[in-house]
Structures are given as structure tokens and as C-alpha cells.
Amino acid sequence: MTDRPVSEMSFEEAMTELEKVVGALERGDVALEDSIKLYERGAELKKRCEAKLKEAEEKVAAITLDGDGNAAGLKPVDGL
């Protein structure tokens, strides 16, 4: 696991680290204080992943299709 700020991570980076956090917590071989820190880091990582997924969903929703179902452009999405 890294000390890199969660806010700078891509979805993939955050998900990979979240998987490591969950694995460490599931094994139960971490001291209580470290478990608390890991849990807090995991919560931040989860929030980052959710935000990045929502962002991607909004971008996909903004794709407009032509009459044949082909991508024709983008429509504005509120908040982006």
C-alpha cells in the first residue's frame, strides 16, 4: 500500500489499493491501531472509486447517438 493521496489516484489505482486493504483486514493479522488506519484508508479509497465510476457514467450518458445508433457527439451534462 502507498502513502499517495487518494485524490490523485486513478480508478484502477484506487481499486487495486482497496483490494489490498480489504485483504489485509480480512486476514486479521494487523494490529488494532493499524486496522483502524487501514479501514479509514479503505473508506477513502471506496469513495474515490465511487466518484470515478459516477464520472464515467455521466460521460457515457452524455454520448448522443444518430438514427443508426452510432455515436454522433456529446451533449452537455450538468456539473461537468
PDB file of N, CA and C in Angstrom:
ATOM      1  N   MET A   1       0.828  -1.173   0.000  1.00  0.00           N
ATOM      2  CA  MET A   1       0.000   0.000   0.000  1.00  0.00           C
ATOM      3  C   MET A   1       0.878   1.244   0.000  1.00  0.00           C
ATOM      4  N   THR A   2       0.328   2.294  -0.560  1.00  0.00           N
ATOM      5  CA  THR A   2       1.120   3.505  -0.734  1.00  0.00           C
ATOM      6  C   THR A   2       0.646   4.614   0.197  1.00  0.00           C
ATOM      7  N   ASP A   3       1.470   5.647   0.268  1.00  0.00           N
ATOM      8  CA  ASP A   3       1.109   6.839   1.032  1.00  0.00           C
ATOM      9  C   ASP A   3       0.578   7.913   0.093  1.00  0.00           C
ATOM     10  N   ARG A   4       0.424   7.569  -1.169  1.00  0.00           N
ATOM     11  CA  ARG A   4      -0.043   8.521  -2.173  1.00  0.00           C
ATOM     12  C   ARG A   4      -1.445   9.016  -1.811  1.00  0.00           C
ATOM     13  N   PRO A   5      -1.690  10.321  -1.961  1.00  0.00           N
ATOM     14  CA  PRO A   5      -3.018  10.849  -1.668  1.00  0.00           C
ATOM     15  C   PRO A   5      -4.085  10.188  -2.549  1.00  0.00           C
ATOM     16  N   VAL A   6      -5.171   9.802  -1.940  1.00  0.00           N
ATOM     17  CA  VAL A   6      -6.246   9.126  -2.656  1.00  0.00           C
ATOM     18  C   VAL A   6      -6.785  10.021  -3.765  1.00  0.00           C
ATOM     19  N   SER A   7      -6.828  11.319  -3.533  1.00  0.00           N
ATOM     20  CA  SER A   7      -7.388  12.258  -4.510  1.00  0.00           C
ATOM     21  C   SER A   7      -6.598  12.302  -5.812  1.00  0.00           C
ATOM     22  N   GLU A   8      -5.369  11.788  -5.815  1.00  0.00           N
ATOM     23  CA  GLU A   8      -4.536  11.782  -7.015  1.00  0.00           C
ATOM     24  C   GLU A   8      -4.597  10.450  -7.764  1.00  0.00           C
ATOM     25  N   MET A   9      -5.316   9.472  -7.234  1.00  0.00           N
ATOM     26  CA  MET A   9      -5.337   8.137  -7.824  1.00  0.00           C
ATOM     27  C   MET A   9      -6.374   8.004  -8.921  1.00  0.00           C
ATOM     28  N   SER A  10      -6.015   7.192  -9.918  1.00  0.00           N
ATOM     29  CA  SER A  10      -6.996   6.817 -10.932  1.00  0.00           C
ATOM     30  C   SER A  10      -7.929   5.780 -10.312  1.00  0.00           C
ATOM     31  N   PHE A  11      -8.988   5.462 -11.030  1.00  0.00           N
ATOM     32  CA  PHE A  11      -9.907   4.431 -10.551  1.00  0.00           C
ATOM     33  C   PHE A  11      -9.160   3.123 -10.329  1.00  0.00           C
ATOM     34  N   GLU A  12      -8.347   2.735 -11.287  1.00  0.00           N
ATOM     35  CA  GLU A  12      -7.644   1.463 -11.210  1.00  0.00           C
ATOM     36  C   GLU A  12      -6.675   1.403 -10.036  1.00  0.00           C
ATOM     37  N   GLU A  13      -5.959   2.503  -9.815  1.00  0.00           N
ATOM     38  CA  GLU A  13      -5.027   2.557  -8.686  1.00  0.00           C
ATOM     39  C   GLU A  13      -5.768   2.446  -7.359  1.00  0.00           C
ATOM     40  N   ALA A  14      -6.863   3.191  -7.239  1.00  0.00           N
ATOM     41  CA  ALA A  14      -7.644   3.171  -6.003  1.00  0.00           C
ATOM     42  C   ALA A  14      -8.245   1.792  -5.770  1.00  0.00           C
ATOM     43  N   MET A  15      -8.736   1.153  -6.815  1.00  0.00           N
ATOM     44  CA  MET A  15      -9.343  -0.165  -6.682  1.00  0.00           C
ATOM     45  C   MET A  15      -8.299  -1.204  -6.269  1.00  0.00           C
ATOM     46  N   THR A  16      -7.131  -1.143  -6.866  1.00  0.00           N
ATOM     47  CA  THR A  16      -6.057  -2.079  -6.514  1.00  0.00           C
ATOM     48  C   THR A  16      -5.672  -1.932  -5.054  1.00  0.00           C
ATOM     49  N   GLU A  17      -5.508  -0.697  -4.606  1.00  0.00           N
ATOM     50  CA  GLU A  17      -5.139  -0.494  -3.207  1.00  0.00           C
ATOM     51  C   GLU A  17      -6.279  -0.898  -2.276  1.00  0.00           C
ATOM     52  N   LEU A  18      -7.519  -0.619  -2.676  1.00  0.00           N
ATOM     53  CA  LEU A  18      -8.665  -1.021  -1.860  1.00  0.00           C
ATOM     54  C   LEU A  18      -8.700  -2.543  -1.691  1.00  0.00           C
ATOM     55  N   GLU A  19      -8.411  -3.276  -2.752  1.00  0.00           N
ATOM     56  CA  GLU A  19      -8.365  -4.735  -2.665  1.00  0.00           C
ATOM     57  C   GLU A  19      -7.293  -5.191  -1.664  1.00  0.00           C
ATOM     58  N   LYS A  20      -6.159  -4.511  -1.655  1.00  0.00           N
ATOM     59  CA  LYS A  20      -5.088  -4.847  -0.707  1.00  0.00           C
ATOM     60  C   LYS A  20      -5.526  -4.557   0.727  1.00  0.00           C
ATOM     61  N   VAL A  21      -6.197  -3.430   0.923  1.00  0.00           N
ATOM     62  CA  VAL A  21      -6.682  -3.057   2.253  1.00  0.00           C
ATOM     63  C   VAL A  21      -7.669  -4.102   2.756  1.00  0.00           C
ATOM     64  N   VAL A  22      -8.626  -4.461   1.915  1.00  0.00           N
ATOM     65  CA  VAL A  22      -9.630  -5.450   2.300  1.00  0.00           C
ATOM     66  C   VAL A  22      -8.959  -6.784   2.624  1.00  0.00           C
ATOM     67  N   GLY A  23      -7.998  -7.185   1.810  1.00  0.00           N
ATOM     68  CA  GLY A  23      -7.282  -8.433   2.066  1.00  0.00           C
ATOM     69  C   GLY A  23      -6.571  -8.430   3.407  1.00  0.00           C
ATOM     70  N   ALA A  24      -5.903  -7.323   3.714  1.00  0.00           N
ATOM     71  CA  ALA A  24      -5.192  -7.216   4.995  1.00  0.00           C
ATOM     72  C   ALA A  24      -6.166  -7.276   6.167  1.00  0.00           C
ATOM     73  N   LEU A  25      -7.297  -6.603   6.036  1.00  0.00           N
ATOM     74  CA  LEU A  25      -8.283  -6.607   7.117  1.00  0.00           C
ATOM     75  C   LEU A  25      -8.929  -7.984   7.269  1.00  0.00           C
ATOM     76  N   GLU A  26      -9.175  -8.653   6.158  1.00  0.00           N
ATOM     77  CA  GLU A  26      -9.786  -9.993   6.223  1.00  0.00           C
ATOM     78  C   GLU A  26      -8.849 -11.017   6.862  1.00  0.00           C
ATOM     79  N   ARG A  27      -7.555 -10.892   6.590  1.00  0.00           N
ATOM     80  CA  ARG A  27      -6.591 -11.833   7.192  1.00  0.00           C
ATOM     81  C   ARG A  27      -6.545 -11.687   8.702  1.00  0.00           C
ATOM     82  N   GLY A  28      -6.779 -10.474   9.191  1.00  0.00           N
ATOM     83  CA  GLY A  28      -6.802 -10.240  10.631  1.00  0.00           C
ATOM     84  C   GLY A  28      -5.445 -10.262  11.294  1.00  0.00           C
ATOM     85  N   ASP A  29      -4.381 -10.134  10.516  1.00  0.00           N
ATOM     86  CA  ASP A  29      -3.041 -10.171  11.099  1.00  0.00           C
ATOM     87  C   ASP A  29      -2.450  -8.775  11.292  1.00  0.00           C
ATOM     88  N   VAL A  30      -3.342  -7.784  11.416  1.00  0.00           N
ATOM     89  CA  VAL A  30      -2.925  -6.400  11.578  1.00  0.00           C
ATOM     90  C   VAL A  30      -3.322  -5.935  12.977  1.00  0.00           C
ATOM     91  N   ALA A  31      -2.441  -5.203  13.622  1.00  0.00           N
ATOM     92  CA  ALA A  31      -2.728  -4.674  14.962  1.00  0.00           C
ATOM     93  C   ALA A  31      -3.946  -3.757  14.919  1.00  0.00           C
ATOM     94  N   LEU A  32      -4.603  -3.602  16.052  1.00  0.00           N
ATOM     95  CA  LEU A  32      -5.837  -2.826  16.135  1.00  0.00           C
ATOM     96  C   LEU A  32      -5.674  -1.413  15.585  1.00  0.00           C
ATOM     97  N   GLU A  33      -4.669  -0.692  16.015  1.00  0.00           N
ATOM     98  CA  GLU A  33      -4.461   0.682  15.549  1.00  0.00           C
ATOM     99  C   GLU A  33      -4.246   0.720  14.045  1.00  0.00           C
ATOM    100  N   ASP A  34      -3.474  -0.229  13.531  1.00  0.00           N
ATOM    101  CA  ASP A  34      -3.240  -0.296  12.090  1.00  0.00           C
ATOM    102  C   ASP A  34      -4.521  -0.677  11.346  1.00  0.00           C
ATOM    103  N   SER A  35      -5.333  -1.512  11.954  1.00  0.00           N
ATOM    104  CA  SER A  35      -6.607  -1.890  11.348  1.00  0.00           C
ATOM    105  C   SER A  35      -7.514  -0.672  11.198  1.00  0.00           C
ATOM    106  N   ILE A  36      -7.518   0.172  12.207  1.00  0.00           N
ATOM    107  CA  ILE A  36      -8.339   1.387  12.152  1.00  0.00           C
ATOM    108  C   ILE A  36      -7.858   2.294  11.020  1.00  0.00           C
ATOM    109  N   LYS A  37      -6.547   2.464  10.907  1.00  0.00           N
ATOM    110  CA  LYS A  37      -5.987   3.289   9.835  1.00  0.00           C
ATOM    111  C   LYS A  37      -6.302   2.689   8.473  1.00  0.00           C
ATOM    112  N   LEU A  38      -6.175   1.369   8.363  1.00  0.00           N
ATOM    113  CA  LEU A  38      -6.491   0.697   7.111  1.00  0.00           C
ATOM    114  C   LEU A  38      -7.964   0.877   6.753  1.00  0.00           C
ATOM    115  N   TYR A  39      -8.829   0.739   7.736  1.00  0.00           N
ATOM    116  CA  TYR A  39     -10.263   0.909   7.499  1.00  0.00           C
ATOM    117  C   TYR A  39     -10.561   2.315   6.992  1.00  0.00           C
ATOM    118  N   GLU A  40      -9.947   3.319   7.624  1.00  0.00           N
ATOM    119  CA  GLU A  40     -10.150   4.707   7.209  1.00  0.00           C
ATOM    120  C   GLU A  40      -9.638   4.927   5.785  1.00  0.00           C
ATOM    121  N   ARG A  41      -8.481   4.357   5.477  1.00  0.00           N
ATOM    122  CA  ARG A  41      -7.917   4.466   4.120  1.00  0.00           C
ATOM    123  C   ARG A  41      -8.850   3.771   3.129  1.00  0.00           C
ATOM    124  N   GLY A  42      -9.354   2.612   3.512  1.00  0.00           N
ATOM    125  CA  GLY A  42     -10.278   1.882   2.657  1.00  0.00           C
ATOM    126  C   GLY A  42     -11.539   2.678   2.371  1.00  0.00           C
ATOM    127  N   ALA A  43     -12.052   3.375   3.367  1.00  0.00           N
ATOM    128  CA  ALA A  43     -13.247   4.199   3.177  1.00  0.00           C
ATOM    129  C   ALA A  43     -12.969   5.321   2.180  1.00  0.00           C
ATOM    130  N   GLU A  44     -11.793   5.936   2.268  1.00  0.00           N
ATOM    131  CA  GLU A  44     -11.411   6.977   1.324  1.00  0.00           C
ATOM    132  C   GLU A  44     -11.290   6.415  -0.086  1.00  0.00           C
ATOM    133  N   LEU A  45     -10.670   5.241  -0.192  1.00  0.00           N
ATOM    134  CA  LEU A  45     -10.491   4.607  -1.492  1.00  0.00           C
ATOM    135  C   LEU A  45     -11.833   4.239  -2.114  1.00  0.00           C
ATOM    136  N   LYS A  46     -12.733   3.730  -1.308  1.00  0.00           N
ATOM    137  CA  LYS A  46     -14.074   3.371  -1.788  1.00  0.00           C
ATOM    138  C   LYS A  46     -14.785   4.600  -2.322  1.00  0.00           C
ATOM    139  N   LYS A  47     -14.692   5.691  -1.590  1.00  0.00           N
ATOM    140  CA  LYS A  47     -15.332   6.940  -2.004  1.00  0.00           C
ATOM    141  C   LYS A  47     -14.744   7.424  -3.333  1.00  0.00           C
ATOM    142  N   ARG A  48     -13.426   7.305  -3.496  1.00  0.00           N
ATOM    143  CA  ARG A  48     -12.756   7.719  -4.735  1.00  0.00           C
ATOM    144  C   ARG A  48     -13.238   6.858  -5.904  1.00  0.00           C
ATOM    145  N   CYS A  49     -13.320   5.555  -5.697  1.00  0.00           N
ATOM    146  CA  CYS A  49     -13.781   4.651  -6.747  1.00  0.00           C
ATOM    147  C   CYS A  49     -15.211   4.990  -7.155  1.00  0.00           C
ATOM    148  N   GLU A  50     -16.066   5.225  -6.195  1.00  0.00           N
ATOM    149  CA  GLU A  50     -17.454   5.574  -6.488  1.00  0.00           C
ATOM    150  C   GLU A  50     -17.544   6.876  -7.280  1.00  0.00           C
ATOM    151  N   ALA A  51     -16.737   7.861  -6.917  1.00  0.00           N
ATOM    152  CA  ALA A  51     -16.745   9.146  -7.614  1.00  0.00           C
ATOM    153  C   ALA A  51     -16.262   8.986  -9.048  1.00  0.00           C
ATOM    154  N   LYS A  52     -15.208   8.203  -9.254  1.00  0.00           N
ATOM    155  CA  LYS A  52     -14.681   7.997 -10.597  1.00  0.00           C
ATOM    156  C   LYS A  52     -15.678   7.214 -11.451  1.00  0.00           C
ATOM    157  N   LEU A  53     -16.383   6.246 -10.873  1.00  0.00           N
ATOM    158  CA  LEU A  53     -17.395   5.497 -11.613  1.00  0.00           C
ATOM    159  C   LEU A  53     -18.550   6.417 -12.014  1.00  0.00           C
ATOM    160  N   LYS A  54     -18.980   7.267 -11.094  1.00  0.00           N
ATOM    161  CA  LYS A  54     -20.071   8.203 -11.397  1.00  0.00           C
ATOM    162  C   LYS A  54     -19.658   9.140 -12.517  1.00  0.00           C
ATOM    163  N   GLU A  55     -18.434   9.605 -12.460  1.00  0.00           N
ATOM    164  CA  GLU A  55     -17.910  10.487 -13.502  1.00  0.00           C
ATOM    165  C   GLU A  55     -17.941   9.783 -14.863  1.00  0.00           C
ATOM    166  N   ALA A  56     -17.519   8.539 -14.896  1.00  0.00           N
ATOM    167  CA  ALA A  56     -17.525   7.774 -16.146  1.00  0.00           C
ATOM    168  C   ALA A  56     -18.948   7.547 -16.644  1.00  0.00           C
ATOM    169  N   GLU A  57     -19.863   7.234 -15.741  1.00  0.00           N
ATOM    170  CA  GLU A  57     -21.258   7.022 -16.119  1.00  0.00           C
ATOM    171  C   GLU A  57     -21.854   8.290 -16.725  1.00  0.00           C
ATOM    172  N   GLU A  58     -21.521   9.438 -16.159  1.00  0.00           N
ATOM    173  CA  GLU A  58     -22.033  10.700 -16.675  1.00  0.00           C
ATOM    174  C   GLU A  58     -21.479  10.983 -18.059  1.00  0.00           C
ATOM    175  N   LYS A  59     -20.220  10.629 -18.292  1.00  0.00           N
ATOM    176  CA  LYS A  59     -19.628  10.829 -19.610  1.00  0.00           C
ATOM    177  C   LYS A  59     -20.300   9.918 -20.634  1.00  0.00           C
ATOM    178  N   VAL A  60     -20.559   8.681 -20.266  1.00  0.00           N
ATOM    179  CA  VAL A  60     -21.229   7.752 -21.173  1.00  0.00           C
ATOM    180  C   VAL A  60     -22.645   8.241 -21.460  1.00  0.00           C
ATOM    181  N   ALA A  61     -23.326   8.727 -20.441  1.00  0.00           N
ATOM    182  CA  ALA A  61     -24.689   9.222 -20.611  1.00  0.00           C
ATOM    183  C   ALA A  61     -24.725  10.440 -21.524  1.00  0.00           C
ATOM    184  N   ALA A  62     -23.613  11.153 -21.646  1.00  0.00           N
ATOM    185  CA  ALA A  62     -23.563  12.361 -22.458  1.00  0.00           C
ATOM    186  C   ALA A  62     -23.353  12.054 -23.939  1.00  0.00           C
ATOM    187  N   ILE A  63     -23.068  10.818 -24.300  1.00  0.00           N
ATOM    188  CA  ILE A  63     -22.860  10.456 -25.698  1.00  0.00           C
ATOM    189  C   ILE A  63     -24.211  10.420 -26.403  1.00  0.00           C
ATOM    190  N   THR A  64     -24.298  11.155 -27.501  1.00  0.00           N
ATOM    191  CA  THR A  64     -25.538  11.151 -28.274  1.00  0.00           C
ATOM    192  C   THR A  64     -25.381  10.188 -29.449  1.00  0.00           C
ATOM    193  N   LEU A  65     -26.482   9.584 -29.854  1.00  0.00           N
ATOM    194  CA  LEU A  65     -26.479   8.623 -30.946  1.00  0.00           C
ATOM    195  C   LEU A  65     -27.256   9.173 -32.133  1.00  0.00           C
ATOM    196  N   ASP A  66     -26.828   8.765 -33.324  1.00  0.00           N
ATOM    197  CA  ASP A  66     -27.585   9.145 -34.514  1.00  0.00           C
ATOM    198  C   ASP A  66     -28.701   8.128 -34.746  1.00  0.00           C
ATOM    199  N   GLY A  67     -29.414   8.268 -35.831  1.00  0.00           N
ATOM    200  CA  GLY A  67     -30.540   7.395 -36.121  1.00  0.00           C
ATOM    201  C   GLY A  67     -30.171   5.930 -36.256  1.00  0.00           C
ATOM    202  N   ASP A  68     -28.924   5.642 -36.578  1.00  0.00           N
ATOM    203  CA  ASP A  68     -28.463   4.255 -36.733  1.00  0.00           C
ATOM    204  C   ASP A  68     -27.861   3.701 -35.445  1.00  0.00           C
ATOM    205  N   GLY A  69     -27.848   4.493 -34.380  1.00  0.00           N
ATOM    206  CA  GLY A  69     -27.288   4.039 -33.105  1.00  0.00           C
ATOM    207  C   GLY A  69     -25.795   4.237 -32.988  1.00  0.00           C
ATOM    208  N   ASN A  70     -25.204   4.988 -33.908  1.00  0.00           N
ATOM    209  CA  ASN A  70     -23.767   5.275 -33.858  1.00  0.00           C
ATOM    210  C   ASN A  70     -23.524   6.551 -33.056  1.00  0.00           C
ATOM    211  N   ALA A  71     -22.391   6.593 -32.372  1.00  0.00           N
ATOM    212  CA  ALA A  71     -22.049   7.785 -31.602  1.00  0.00           C
ATOM    213  C   ALA A  71     -21.955   8.980 -32.541  1.00  0.00           C
ATOM    214  N   ALA A  72     -22.676  10.038 -32.210  1.00  0.00           N
ATOM    215  CA  ALA A  72     -22.722  11.216 -33.064  1.00  0.00           C
ATOM    216  C   ALA A  72     -22.130  12.445 -32.403  1.00  0.00           C
ATOM    217  N   GLY A  73     -21.857  12.377 -31.134  1.00  0.00           N
ATOM    218  CA  GLY A  73     -21.312  13.544 -30.436  1.00  0.00           C
ATOM    219  C   GLY A  73     -21.622  13.469 -28.963  1.00  0.00           C
ATOM    220  N   LEU A  74     -21.448  14.593 -28.316  1.00  0.00           N
ATOM    221  CA  LEU A  74     -21.687  14.673 -26.875  1.00  0.00           C
ATOM    222  C   LEU A  74     -22.690  15.760 -26.587  1.00  0.00           C
ATOM    223  N   LYS A  75     -23.527  15.518 -25.591  1.00  0.00           N
ATOM    224  CA  LYS A  75     -24.436  16.559 -25.135  1.00  0.00           C
ATOM    225  C   LYS A  75     -23.918  17.053 -23.805  1.00  0.00           C
ATOM    226  N   PRO A  76     -24.154  18.297 -23.457  1.00  0.00           N
ATOM    227  CA  PRO A  76     -23.684  18.813 -22.180  1.00  0.00           C
ATOM    228  C   PRO A  76     -24.325  18.068 -21.000  1.00  0.00           C
ATOM    229  N   VAL A  77     -23.547  17.833 -19.980  1.00  0.00           N
ATOM    230  CA  VAL A  77     -24.041  17.193 -18.771  1.00  0.00           C
ATOM    231  C   VAL A  77     -23.870  18.182 -17.642  1.00  0.00           C
ATOM    232  N   ASP A  78     -24.922  18.407 -16.883  1.00  0.00           N
ATOM    233  CA  ASP A  78     -24.849  19.328 -15.748  1.00  0.00           C
ATOM    234  C   ASP A  78     -23.762  18.892 -14.789  1.00  0.00           C
ATOM    235  N   GLY A  79     -22.971  19.821 -14.315  1.00  0.00           N
ATOM    236  CA  GLY A  79     -21.969  19.534 -13.293  1.00  0.00           C
ATOM    237  C   GLY A  79     -20.624  19.126 -13.854  1.00  0.00           C
ATOM    238  N   LEU A  80     -20.498  18.991 -15.150  1.00  0.00           N
ATOM    239  CA  LEU A  80     -19.192  18.632 -15.738  1.00  0.00           C
ATOM    240  C   LEU A  80     -18.613  19.797 -16.467  1.00  0.00           C
TER     241      LEU A  80
END
